[in-house]
mmCIF file of all heavy atoms, coordinates in Angstrom:
data_MODEL
# 
_entry.id   MODEL 
# 
loop_
_atom_site.group_PDB 
_atom_site.id 
_atom_site.type_symbol 
_atom_site.label_atom_id 
_atom_site.label_alt_id 
_atom_site.label_comp_id 
_atom_site.label_asym_id 
_atom_site.label_entity_id 
_atom_site.label_seq_id 
_atom_site.pdbx_PDB_ins_code 
_atom_site.Cartn_x 
_atom_site.Cartn_y 
_atom_site.Cartn_z 
_atom_site.occupancy 
_atom_site.B_iso_or_equiv 
_atom_site.pdbx_formal_charge 
_atom_site.auth_seq_id 
_atom_site.auth_comp_id 
_atom_site.auth_asym_id 
_atom_site.auth_atom_id 
_atom_site.pdbx_PDB_model_num 
ATOM 1   N N   . THR A 1 1  ? 5.292  33.889 -3.240  1.00 0.00 ? 1  THR A N   1 
ATOM 2   C CA  . THR A 1 1  ? 5.409  35.257 -2.718  1.00 0.00 ? 1  THR A CA  1 
ATOM 3   C C   . THR A 1 1  ? 6.369  36.079 -3.564  1.00 0.00 ? 1  THR A C   1 
ATOM 4   O O   . THR A 1 1  ? 6.137  37.265 -3.812  1.00 0.00 ? 1  THR A O   1 
ATOM 5   C CB  . THR A 1 1  ? 5.888  35.236 -1.254  1.00 0.00 ? 1  THR A CB  1 
ATOM 6   O OG1 . THR A 1 1  ? 4.968  34.485 -0.470  1.00 0.00 ? 1  THR A OG1 1 
ATOM 7   C CG2 . THR A 1 1  ? 5.980  36.646 -0.692  1.00 0.00 ? 1  THR A CG2 1 
ATOM 8   N N   . LEU A 1 2  ? 7.462  35.453 -4.019  1.00 0.00 ? 2  LEU A N   1 
ATOM 9   C CA  . LEU A 1 2  ? 8.394  36.155 -4.892  1.00 0.00 ? 2  LEU A CA  1 
ATOM 10  C C   . LEU A 1 2  ? 7.711  36.549 -6.196  1.00 0.00 ? 2  LEU A C   1 
ATOM 11  O O   . LEU A 1 2  ? 7.840  37.690 -6.659  1.00 0.00 ? 2  LEU A O   1 
ATOM 12  C CB  . LEU A 1 2  ? 9.611  35.263 -5.194  1.00 0.00 ? 2  LEU A CB  1 
ATOM 13  C CG  . LEU A 1 2  ? 10.528 34.908 -4.030  1.00 0.00 ? 2  LEU A CG  1 
ATOM 14  C CD1 . LEU A 1 2  ? 11.693 34.052 -4.528  1.00 0.00 ? 2  LEU A CD1 1 
ATOM 15  C CD2 . LEU A 1 2  ? 11.051 36.157 -3.325  1.00 0.00 ? 2  LEU A CD2 1 
ATOM 16  N N   . VAL A 1 3  ? 6.988  35.621 -6.787  1.00 0.00 ? 3  VAL A N   1 
ATOM 17  C CA  . VAL A 1 3  ? 6.312  35.884 -8.061  1.00 0.00 ? 3  VAL A CA  1 
ATOM 18  C C   . VAL A 1 3  ? 5.325  37.029 -7.916  1.00 0.00 ? 3  VAL A C   1 
ATOM 19  O O   . VAL A 1 3  ? 5.258  37.928 -8.776  1.00 0.00 ? 3  VAL A O   1 
ATOM 20  C CB  . VAL A 1 3  ? 5.594  34.612 -8.560  1.00 0.00 ? 3  VAL A CB  1 
ATOM 21  C CG1 . VAL A 1 3  ? 4.727  34.928 -9.782  1.00 0.00 ? 3  VAL A CG1 1 
ATOM 22  C CG2 . VAL A 1 3  ? 6.606  33.531 -8.909  1.00 0.00 ? 3  VAL A CG2 1 
ATOM 23  N N   . SER A 1 4  ? 4.562  37.029 -6.826  1.00 0.00 ? 4  SER A N   1 
ATOM 24  C CA  . SER A 1 4  ? 3.557  38.077 -6.636  1.00 0.00 ? 4  SER A CA  1 
ATOM 25  C C   . SER A 1 4  ? 4.182  39.437 -6.388  1.00 0.00 ? 4  SER A C   1 
ATOM 26  O O   . SER A 1 4  ? 3.497  40.466 -6.519  1.00 0.00 ? 4  SER A O   1 
ATOM 27  C CB  . SER A 1 4  ? 2.628  37.708 -5.469  1.00 0.00 ? 4  SER A CB  1 
ATOM 28  O OG  . SER A 1 4  ? 3.351  37.631 -4.253  1.00 0.00 ? 4  SER A OG  1 
ATOM 29  N N   . ASN A 1 5  ? 5.463  39.474 -6.037  1.00 0.00 ? 5  ASN A N   1 
ATOM 30  C CA  . ASN A 1 5  ? 6.165  40.747 -5.833  1.00 0.00 ? 5  ASN A CA  1 
ATOM 31  C C   . ASN A 1 5  ? 7.175  41.022 -6.942  1.00 0.00 ? 5  ASN A C   1 
ATOM 32  O O   . ASN A 1 5  ? 8.094  41.834 -6.770  1.00 0.00 ? 5  ASN A O   1 
ATOM 33  C CB  . ASN A 1 5  ? 6.861  40.754 -4.480  1.00 0.00 ? 5  ASN A CB  1 
ATOM 34  C CG  . ASN A 1 5  ? 5.897  40.932 -3.324  1.00 0.00 ? 5  ASN A CG  1 
ATOM 35  O OD1 . ASN A 1 5  ? 5.541  42.058 -2.972  1.00 0.00 ? 5  ASN A OD1 1 
ATOM 36  N ND2 . ASN A 1 5  ? 5.458  39.828 -2.743  1.00 0.00 ? 5  ASN A ND2 1 
ATOM 37  N N   . ASN A 1 6  ? 7.003  40.338 -8.084  1.00 0.00 ? 6  ASN A N   1 
ATOM 38  C CA  . ASN A 1 6  ? 7.830  40.562 -9.278  1.00 0.00 ? 6  ASN A CA  1 
ATOM 39  C C   . ASN A 1 6  ? 9.313  40.316 -9.007  1.00 0.00 ? 6  ASN A C   1 
ATOM 40  O O   . ASN A 1 6  ? 10.181 41.037 -9.500  1.00 0.00 ? 6  ASN A O   1 
ATOM 41  C CB  . ASN A 1 6  ? 7.619  41.994 -9.816  1.00 0.00 ? 6  ASN A CB  1 
ATOM 42  C CG  . ASN A 1 6  ? 8.083  42.134 -11.241 1.00 0.00 ? 6  ASN A CG  1 
ATOM 43  O OD1 . ASN A 1 6  ? 7.965  41.207 -12.044 1.00 0.00 ? 6  ASN A OD1 1 
ATOM 44  N ND2 . ASN A 1 6  ? 8.632  43.298 -11.574 1.00 0.00 ? 6  ASN A ND2 1 
ATOM 45  N N   . LEU A 1 7  ? 9.591  39.261 -8.231  1.00 0.00 ? 7  LEU A N   1 
ATOM 46  C CA  . LEU A 1 7  ? 10.967 38.903 -7.895  1.00 0.00 ? 7  LEU A CA  1 
ATOM 47  C C   . LEU A 1 7  ? 11.278 37.495 -8.408  1.00 0.00 ? 7  LEU A C   1 
ATOM 48  O O   . LEU A 1 7  ? 10.386 36.694 -8.655  1.00 0.00 ? 7  LEU A O   1 
ATOM 49  C CB  . LEU A 1 7  ? 11.177 38.945 -6.381  1.00 0.00 ? 7  LEU A CB  1 
ATOM 50  C CG  . LEU A 1 7  ? 10.979 40.289 -5.679  1.00 0.00 ? 7  LEU A CG  1 
ATOM 51  C CD1 . LEU A 1 7  ? 11.030 40.106 -4.171  1.00 0.00 ? 7  LEU A CD1 1 
ATOM 52  C CD2 . LEU A 1 7  ? 12.012 41.298 -6.139  1.00 0.00 ? 7  LEU A CD2 1 
ATOM 53  N N   . LYS A 1 8  ? 12.564 37.212 -8.545  1.00 0.00 ? 8  LYS A N   1 
ATOM 54  C CA  . LYS A 1 8  ? 12.990 35.867 -8.922  1.00 0.00 ? 8  LYS A CA  1 
ATOM 55  C C   . LYS A 1 8  ? 14.152 35.436 -8.033  1.00 0.00 ? 8  LYS A C   1 
ATOM 56  O O   . LYS A 1 8  ? 15.009 36.234 -7.661  1.00 0.00 ? 8  LYS A O   1 
ATOM 57  C CB  . LYS A 1 8  ? 13.395 35.809 -10.394 1.00 0.00 ? 8  LYS A CB  1 
ATOM 58  C CG  . LYS A 1 8  ? 14.576 36.690 -10.779 1.00 0.00 ? 8  LYS A CG  1 
ATOM 59  C CD  . LYS A 1 8  ? 14.871 36.575 -12.273 1.00 0.00 ? 8  LYS A CD  1 
ATOM 60  C CE  . LYS A 1 8  ? 16.048 37.482 -12.686 1.00 0.00 ? 8  LYS A CE  1 
ATOM 61  N NZ  . LYS A 1 8  ? 16.306 37.420 -14.146 1.00 0.00 ? 8  LYS A NZ  1 
ATOM 62  N N   . GLU A 1 9  ? 14.172 34.168 -7.708  1.00 0.00 ? 9  GLU A N   1 
ATOM 63  C CA  . GLU A 1 9  ? 15.211 33.577 -6.870  1.00 0.00 ? 9  GLU A CA  1 
ATOM 64  C C   . GLU A 1 9  ? 16.451 33.323 -7.726  1.00 0.00 ? 9  GLU A C   1 
ATOM 65  O O   . GLU A 1 9  ? 16.363 32.700 -8.782  1.00 0.00 ? 9  GLU A O   1 
ATOM 66  C CB  . GLU A 1 9  ? 14.686 32.262 -6.292  1.00 0.00 ? 9  GLU A CB  1 
ATOM 67  C CG  . GLU A 1 9  ? 15.589 31.557 -5.323  1.00 0.00 ? 9  GLU A CG  1 
ATOM 68  C CD  . GLU A 1 9  ? 14.940 30.278 -4.802  1.00 0.00 ? 9  GLU A CD  1 
ATOM 69  O OE1 . GLU A 1 9  ? 13.915 29.837 -5.379  1.00 0.00 ? 9  GLU A OE1 1 
ATOM 70  O OE2 . GLU A 1 9  ? 15.466 29.728 -3.822  1.00 0.00 ? 9  GLU A OE2 1 
ATOM 71  N N   . VAL A 1 10 ? 17.616 33.813 -7.269  1.00 0.00 ? 10 VAL A N   1 
ATOM 72  C CA  . VAL A 1 10 ? 18.826 33.657 -8.079  1.00 0.00 ? 10 VAL A CA  1 
ATOM 73  C C   . VAL A 1 10 ? 19.940 32.888 -7.373  1.00 0.00 ? 10 VAL A C   1 
ATOM 74  O O   . VAL A 1 10 ? 20.818 32.327 -8.031  1.00 0.00 ? 10 VAL A O   1 
ATOM 75  C CB  . VAL A 1 10 ? 19.363 35.033 -8.546  1.00 0.00 ? 10 VAL A CB  1 
ATOM 76  C CG1 . VAL A 1 10 ? 18.389 35.674 -9.531  1.00 0.00 ? 10 VAL A CG1 1 
ATOM 77  C CG2 . VAL A 1 10 ? 19.644 35.961 -7.369  1.00 0.00 ? 10 VAL A CG2 1 
ATOM 78  N N   . GLU A 1 11 ? 19.940 32.856 -6.041  1.00 0.00 ? 11 GLU A N   1 
ATOM 79  C CA  . GLU A 1 11 ? 20.982 32.117 -5.305  1.00 0.00 ? 11 GLU A CA  1 
ATOM 80  C C   . GLU A 1 11 ? 20.356 31.480 -4.060  1.00 0.00 ? 11 GLU A C   1 
ATOM 81  O O   . GLU A 1 11 ? 19.757 32.169 -3.240  1.00 0.00 ? 11 GLU A O   1 
ATOM 82  C CB  . GLU A 1 11 ? 22.126 33.040 -4.861  1.00 0.00 ? 11 GLU A CB  1 
ATOM 83  C CG  . GLU A 1 11 ? 22.866 33.742 -5.974  1.00 0.00 ? 11 GLU A CG  1 
ATOM 84  C CD  . GLU A 1 11 ? 23.812 32.819 -6.736  1.00 0.00 ? 11 GLU A CD  1 
ATOM 85  O OE1 . GLU A 1 11 ? 24.084 31.704 -6.232  1.00 0.00 ? 11 GLU A OE1 1 
ATOM 86  O OE2 . GLU A 1 11 ? 24.274 33.228 -7.822  1.00 0.00 ? 11 GLU A OE2 1 
ATOM 87  N N   . VAL A 1 12 ? 20.491 30.161 -3.923  1.00 0.00 ? 12 VAL A N   1 
ATOM 88  C CA  . VAL A 1 12 ? 20.072 29.472 -2.701  1.00 0.00 ? 12 VAL A CA  1 
ATOM 89  C C   . VAL A 1 12 ? 21.264 29.435 -1.740  1.00 0.00 ? 12 VAL A C   1 
ATOM 90  O O   . VAL A 1 12 ? 22.294 28.845 -2.039  1.00 0.00 ? 12 VAL A O   1 
ATOM 91  C CB  . VAL A 1 12 ? 19.586 28.044 -2.999  1.00 0.00 ? 12 VAL A CB  1 
ATOM 92  C CG1 . VAL A 1 12 ? 19.237 27.317 -1.694  1.00 0.00 ? 12 VAL A CG1 1 
ATOM 93  C CG2 . VAL A 1 12 ? 18.377 28.060 -3.934  1.00 0.00 ? 12 VAL A CG2 1 
ATOM 94  N N   . VAL A 1 13 ? 21.111 30.075 -0.610  1.00 0.00 ? 13 VAL A N   1 
ATOM 95  C CA  . VAL A 1 13 ? 22.204 30.195 0.360   1.00 0.00 ? 13 VAL A CA  1 
ATOM 96  C C   . VAL A 1 13 ? 22.157 29.080 1.397   1.00 0.00 ? 13 VAL A C   1 
ATOM 97  O O   . VAL A 1 13 ? 23.189 28.535 1.801   1.00 0.00 ? 13 VAL A O   1 
ATOM 98  C CB  . VAL A 1 13 ? 22.153 31.573 1.050   1.00 0.00 ? 13 VAL A CB  1 
ATOM 99  C CG1 . VAL A 1 13 ? 23.190 31.665 2.167   1.00 0.00 ? 13 VAL A CG1 1 
ATOM 100 C CG2 . VAL A 1 13 ? 22.363 32.681 0.019   1.00 0.00 ? 13 VAL A CG2 1 
ATOM 101 N N   . LEU A 1 14 ? 20.968 28.712 1.837   1.00 0.00 ? 14 LEU A N   1 
ATOM 102 C CA  . LEU A 1 14 ? 20.836 27.712 2.896   1.00 0.00 ? 14 LEU A CA  1 
ATOM 103 C C   . LEU A 1 14 ? 19.559 26.915 2.707   1.00 0.00 ? 14 LEU A C   1 
ATOM 104 O O   . LEU A 1 14 ? 18.486 27.497 2.534   1.00 0.00 ? 14 LEU A O   1 
ATOM 105 C CB  . LEU A 1 14 ? 20.796 28.398 4.272   1.00 0.00 ? 14 LEU A CB  1 
ATOM 106 C CG  . LEU A 1 14 ? 20.509 27.503 5.478   1.00 0.00 ? 14 LEU A CG  1 
ATOM 107 C CD1 . LEU A 1 14 ? 21.680 26.576 5.756   1.00 0.00 ? 14 LEU A CD1 1 
ATOM 108 C CD2 . LEU A 1 14 ? 20.174 28.347 6.717   1.00 0.00 ? 14 LEU A CD2 1 
ATOM 109 N N   . LYS A 1 15 ? 19.670 25.590 2.733   1.00 0.00 ? 15 LYS A N   1 
ATOM 110 C CA  . LYS A 1 15 ? 18.490 24.730 2.766   1.00 0.00 ? 15 LYS A CA  1 
ATOM 111 C C   . LYS A 1 15 ? 18.197 24.408 4.231   1.00 0.00 ? 15 LYS A C   1 
ATOM 112 O O   . LYS A 1 15 ? 19.039 23.858 4.932   1.00 0.00 ? 15 LYS A O   1 
ATOM 113 C CB  . LYS A 1 15 ? 18.729 23.457 1.962   1.00 0.00 ? 15 LYS A CB  1 
ATOM 114 C CG  . LYS A 1 15 ? 18.825 23.714 0.464   1.00 0.00 ? 15 LYS A CG  1 
ATOM 115 C CD  . LYS A 1 15 ? 18.989 22.416 -0.321  1.00 0.00 ? 15 LYS A CD  1 
ATOM 116 C CE  . LYS A 1 15 ? 19.036 22.703 -1.822  1.00 0.00 ? 15 LYS A CE  1 
ATOM 117 N NZ  . LYS A 1 15 ? 19.207 21.444 -2.617  1.00 0.00 ? 15 LYS A NZ  1 
ATOM 118 N N   . SER A 1 16 ? 17.001 24.781 4.652   1.00 0.00 ? 16 SER A N   1 
ATOM 119 C CA  . SER A 1 16 ? 16.658 24.681 6.068   1.00 0.00 ? 16 SER A CA  1 
ATOM 120 C C   . SER A 1 16 ? 15.547 23.653 6.293   1.00 0.00 ? 16 SER A C   1 
ATOM 121 O O   . SER A 1 16 ? 14.798 23.312 5.386   1.00 0.00 ? 16 SER A O   1 
ATOM 122 C CB  . SER A 1 16 ? 16.210 26.047 6.595   1.00 0.00 ? 16 SER A CB  1 
ATOM 123 O OG  . SER A 1 16 ? 15.915 25.984 7.975   1.00 0.00 ? 16 SER A OG  1 
ATOM 124 N N   . GLU A 1 17 ? 15.477 23.173 7.510   1.00 0.00 ? 17 GLU A N   1 
ATOM 125 C CA  . GLU A 1 17 ? 14.414 22.273 7.956   1.00 0.00 ? 17 GLU A CA  1 
ATOM 126 C C   . GLU A 1 17 ? 14.361 22.350 9.468   1.00 0.00 ? 17 GLU A C   1 
ATOM 127 O O   . GLU A 1 17 ? 15.216 22.984 10.108  1.00 0.00 ? 17 GLU A O   1 
ATOM 128 C CB  . GLU A 1 17 ? 14.696 20.834 7.515   1.00 0.00 ? 17 GLU A CB  1 
ATOM 129 C CG  . GLU A 1 17 ? 15.968 20.248 8.117   1.00 0.00 ? 17 GLU A CG  1 
ATOM 130 C CD  . GLU A 1 17 ? 16.245 18.839 7.607   1.00 0.00 ? 17 GLU A CD  1 
ATOM 131 O OE1 . GLU A 1 17 ? 15.629 17.898 8.133   1.00 0.00 ? 17 GLU A OE1 1 
ATOM 132 O OE2 . GLU A 1 17 ? 17.067 18.702 6.676   1.00 0.00 ? 17 GLU A OE2 1 
ATOM 133 N N   . ALA A 1 18 ? 13.368 21.721 10.058  1.00 0.00 ? 18 ALA A N   1 
ATOM 134 C CA  . ALA A 1 18 ? 13.293 21.678 11.515  1.00 0.00 ? 18 ALA A CA  1 
ATOM 135 C C   . ALA A 1 18 ? 14.415 20.803 12.058  1.00 0.00 ? 18 ALA A C   1 
ATOM 136 O O   . ALA A 1 18 ? 14.720 19.748 11.498  1.00 0.00 ? 18 ALA A O   1 
ATOM 137 C CB  . ALA A 1 18 ? 11.948 21.124 11.952  1.00 0.00 ? 18 ALA A CB  1 
ATOM 138 N N   . VAL A 1 19 ? 15.017 21.252 13.149  1.00 0.00 ? 19 VAL A N   1 
ATOM 139 C CA  . VAL A 1 19 ? 16.072 20.470 13.803  1.00 0.00 ? 19 VAL A CA  1 
ATOM 140 C C   . VAL A 1 19 ? 15.792 20.412 15.299  1.00 0.00 ? 19 VAL A C   1 
ATOM 141 O O   . VAL A 1 19 ? 15.131 21.282 15.868  1.00 0.00 ? 19 VAL A O   1 
ATOM 142 C CB  . VAL A 1 19 ? 17.475 21.083 13.563  1.00 0.00 ? 19 VAL A CB  1 
ATOM 143 C CG1 . VAL A 1 19 ? 17.863 20.984 12.109  1.00 0.00 ? 19 VAL A CG1 1 
ATOM 144 C CG2 . VAL A 1 19 ? 17.540 22.536 14.038  1.00 0.00 ? 19 VAL A CG2 1 
ATOM 145 N N   . LEU A 1 20 ? 16.305 19.351 15.915  1.00 0.00 ? 20 LEU A N   1 
ATOM 146 C CA  . LEU A 1 20 ? 16.237 19.224 17.369  1.00 0.00 ? 20 LEU A CA  1 
ATOM 147 C C   . LEU A 1 20 ? 17.570 19.690 17.923  1.00 0.00 ? 20 LEU A C   1 
ATOM 148 O O   . LEU A 1 20 ? 18.618 19.146 17.573  1.00 0.00 ? 20 LEU A O   1 
ATOM 149 C CB  . LEU A 1 20 ? 15.966 17.773 17.762  1.00 0.00 ? 20 LEU A CB  1 
ATOM 150 C CG  . LEU A 1 20 ? 15.801 17.504 19.263  1.00 0.00 ? 20 LEU A CG  1 
ATOM 151 C CD1 . LEU A 1 20 ? 14.505 18.110 19.776  1.00 0.00 ? 20 LEU A CD1 1 
ATOM 152 C CD2 . LEU A 1 20 ? 15.836 16.010 19.560  1.00 0.00 ? 20 LEU A CD2 1 
ATOM 153 N N   . ILE A 1 21 ? 17.537 20.713 18.769  1.00 0.00 ? 21 ILE A N   1 
ATOM 154 C CA  . ILE A 1 21 ? 18.764 21.230 19.367  1.00 0.00 ? 21 ILE A CA  1 
ATOM 155 C C   . ILE A 1 21 ? 18.757 20.917 20.863  1.00 0.00 ? 21 ILE A C   1 
ATOM 156 O O   . ILE A 1 21 ? 17.705 20.724 21.468  1.00 0.00 ? 21 ILE A O   1 
ATOM 157 C CB  . ILE A 1 21 ? 18.924 22.748 19.141  1.00 0.00 ? 21 ILE A CB  1 
ATOM 158 C CG1 . ILE A 1 21 ? 17.766 23.532 19.781  1.00 0.00 ? 21 ILE A CG1 1 
ATOM 159 C CG2 . ILE A 1 21 ? 19.016 23.048 17.652  1.00 0.00 ? 21 ILE A CG2 1 
ATOM 160 C CD1 . ILE A 1 21 ? 17.942 25.047 19.727  1.00 0.00 ? 21 ILE A CD1 1 
ATOM 161 N N   . ALA A 1 22 ? 19.956 20.859 21.446  1.00 0.00 ? 22 ALA A N   1 
ATOM 162 C CA  . ALA A 1 22 ? 20.074 20.519 22.869  1.00 0.00 ? 22 ALA A CA  1 
ATOM 163 C C   . ALA A 1 22 ? 21.081 21.431 23.543  1.00 0.00 ? 22 ALA A C   1 
ATOM 164 O O   . ALA A 1 22 ? 22.056 21.875 22.933  1.00 0.00 ? 22 ALA A O   1 
ATOM 165 C CB  . ALA A 1 22 ? 20.495 19.059 23.041  1.00 0.00 ? 22 ALA A CB  1 
ATOM 166 N N   . THR A 1 23 ? 20.839 21.697 24.817  1.00 0.00 ? 23 THR A N   1 
ATOM 167 C CA  . THR A 1 23 ? 21.790 22.455 25.615  1.00 0.00 ? 23 THR A CA  1 
ATOM 168 C C   . THR A 1 23 ? 23.046 21.615 25.829  1.00 0.00 ? 23 THR A C   1 
ATOM 169 O O   . THR A 1 23 ? 22.958 20.378 25.928  1.00 0.00 ? 23 THR A O   1 
ATOM 170 C CB  . THR A 1 23 ? 21.165 22.861 26.968  1.00 0.00 ? 23 THR A CB  1 
ATOM 171 O OG1 . THR A 1 23 ? 22.081 23.682 27.689  1.00 0.00 ? 23 THR A OG1 1 
ATOM 172 C CG2 . THR A 1 23 ? 20.819 21.650 27.792  1.00 0.00 ? 23 THR A CG2 1 
ATOM 173 N N   . PRO A 1 24 ? 24.226 22.210 25.908  1.00 0.00 ? 24 PRO A N   1 
ATOM 174 C CA  . PRO A 1 24 ? 25.459 21.425 26.068  1.00 0.00 ? 24 PRO A CA  1 
ATOM 175 C C   . PRO A 1 24 ? 25.655 20.849 27.463  1.00 0.00 ? 24 PRO A C   1 
ATOM 176 O O   . PRO A 1 24 ? 26.588 20.092 27.690  1.00 0.00 ? 24 PRO A O   1 
ATOM 177 C CB  . PRO A 1 24 ? 26.554 22.446 25.737  1.00 0.00 ? 24 PRO A CB  1 
ATOM 178 C CG  . PRO A 1 24 ? 25.948 23.778 26.017  1.00 0.00 ? 24 PRO A CG  1 
ATOM 179 C CD  . PRO A 1 24 ? 24.499 23.654 25.699  1.00 0.00 ? 24 PRO A CD  1 
ATOM 180 N N   . SER A 1 25 ? 24.781 21.179 28.407  1.00 0.00 ? 25 SER A N   1 
ATOM 181 C CA  . SER A 1 25 ? 25.014 20.765 29.803  1.00 0.00 ? 25 SER A CA  1 
ATOM 182 C C   . SER A 1 25 ? 23.934 19.816 30.318  1.00 0.00 ? 25 SER A C   1 
ATOM 183 O O   . SER A 1 25 ? 23.482 19.941 31.457  1.00 0.00 ? 25 SER A O   1 
ATOM 184 C CB  . SER A 1 25 ? 25.085 21.996 30.705  1.00 0.00 ? 25 SER A CB  1 
ATOM 185 O OG  . SER A 1 25 ? 23.913 22.791 30.572  1.00 0.00 ? 25 SER A OG  1 
ATOM 186 N N   . LEU A 1 26 ? 23.514 18.855 29.505  1.00 0.00 ? 26 LEU A N   1 
ATOM 187 C CA  . LEU A 1 26 ? 22.500 17.903 29.942  1.00 0.00 ? 26 LEU A CA  1 
ATOM 188 C C   . LEU A 1 26 ? 23.055 16.946 30.992  1.00 0.00 ? 26 LEU A C   1 
ATOM 189 O O   . LEU A 1 26 ? 24.181 16.465 30.874  1.00 0.00 ? 26 LEU A O   1 
ATOM 190 C CB  . LEU A 1 26 ? 21.994 17.084 28.748  1.00 0.00 ? 26 LEU A CB  1 
ATOM 191 C CG  . LEU A 1 26 ? 20.958 17.717 27.821  1.00 0.00 ? 26 LEU A CG  1 
ATOM 192 C CD1 . LEU A 1 26 ? 20.615 16.750 26.699  1.00 0.00 ? 26 LEU A CD1 1 
ATOM 193 C CD2 . LEU A 1 26 ? 19.699 18.105 28.580  1.00 0.00 ? 26 LEU A CD2 1 
ATOM 194 N N   . SER A 1 27 ? 22.251 16.645 31.992  1.00 0.00 ? 27 SER A N   1 
ATOM 195 C CA  . SER A 1 27 ? 22.637 15.650 32.992  1.00 0.00 ? 27 SER A CA  1 
ATOM 196 C C   . SER A 1 27 ? 22.546 14.259 32.379  1.00 0.00 ? 27 SER A C   1 
ATOM 197 O O   . SER A 1 27 ? 21.917 14.057 31.341  1.00 0.00 ? 27 SER A O   1 
ATOM 198 C CB  . SER A 1 27 ? 21.706 15.740 34.208  1.00 0.00 ? 27 SER A CB  1 
ATOM 199 O OG  . SER A 1 27 ? 20.389 15.348 33.832  1.00 0.00 ? 27 SER A OG  1 
ATOM 200 N N   . GLU A 1 28 ? 23.164 13.272 33.035  1.00 0.00 ? 28 GLU A N   1 
ATOM 201 C CA  . GLU A 1 28 ? 23.126 11.899 32.536  1.00 0.00 ? 28 GLU A CA  1 
ATOM 202 C C   . GLU A 1 28 ? 21.700 11.369 32.471  1.00 0.00 ? 28 GLU A C   1 
ATOM 203 O O   . GLU A 1 28 ? 21.331 10.652 31.540  1.00 0.00 ? 28 GLU A O   1 
ATOM 204 C CB  . GLU A 1 28 ? 23.994 10.994 33.419  1.00 0.00 ? 28 GLU A CB  1 
ATOM 205 C CG  . GLU A 1 28 ? 25.488 11.239 33.286  1.00 0.00 ? 28 GLU A CG  1 
ATOM 206 C CD  . GLU A 1 28 ? 25.970 11.078 31.842  1.00 0.00 ? 28 GLU A CD  1 
ATOM 207 O OE1 . GLU A 1 28 ? 25.548 10.095 31.185  1.00 0.00 ? 28 GLU A OE1 1 
ATOM 208 O OE2 . GLU A 1 28 ? 26.753 11.928 31.377  1.00 0.00 ? 28 GLU A OE2 1 
# 
């Protein structure tokens, strides 16, 4: 998508992936 819009990537700020998140108030 960057190439097709004449852009180039210069700084990677965050490497992301799917994560499992949980509420802090789970019952036992």
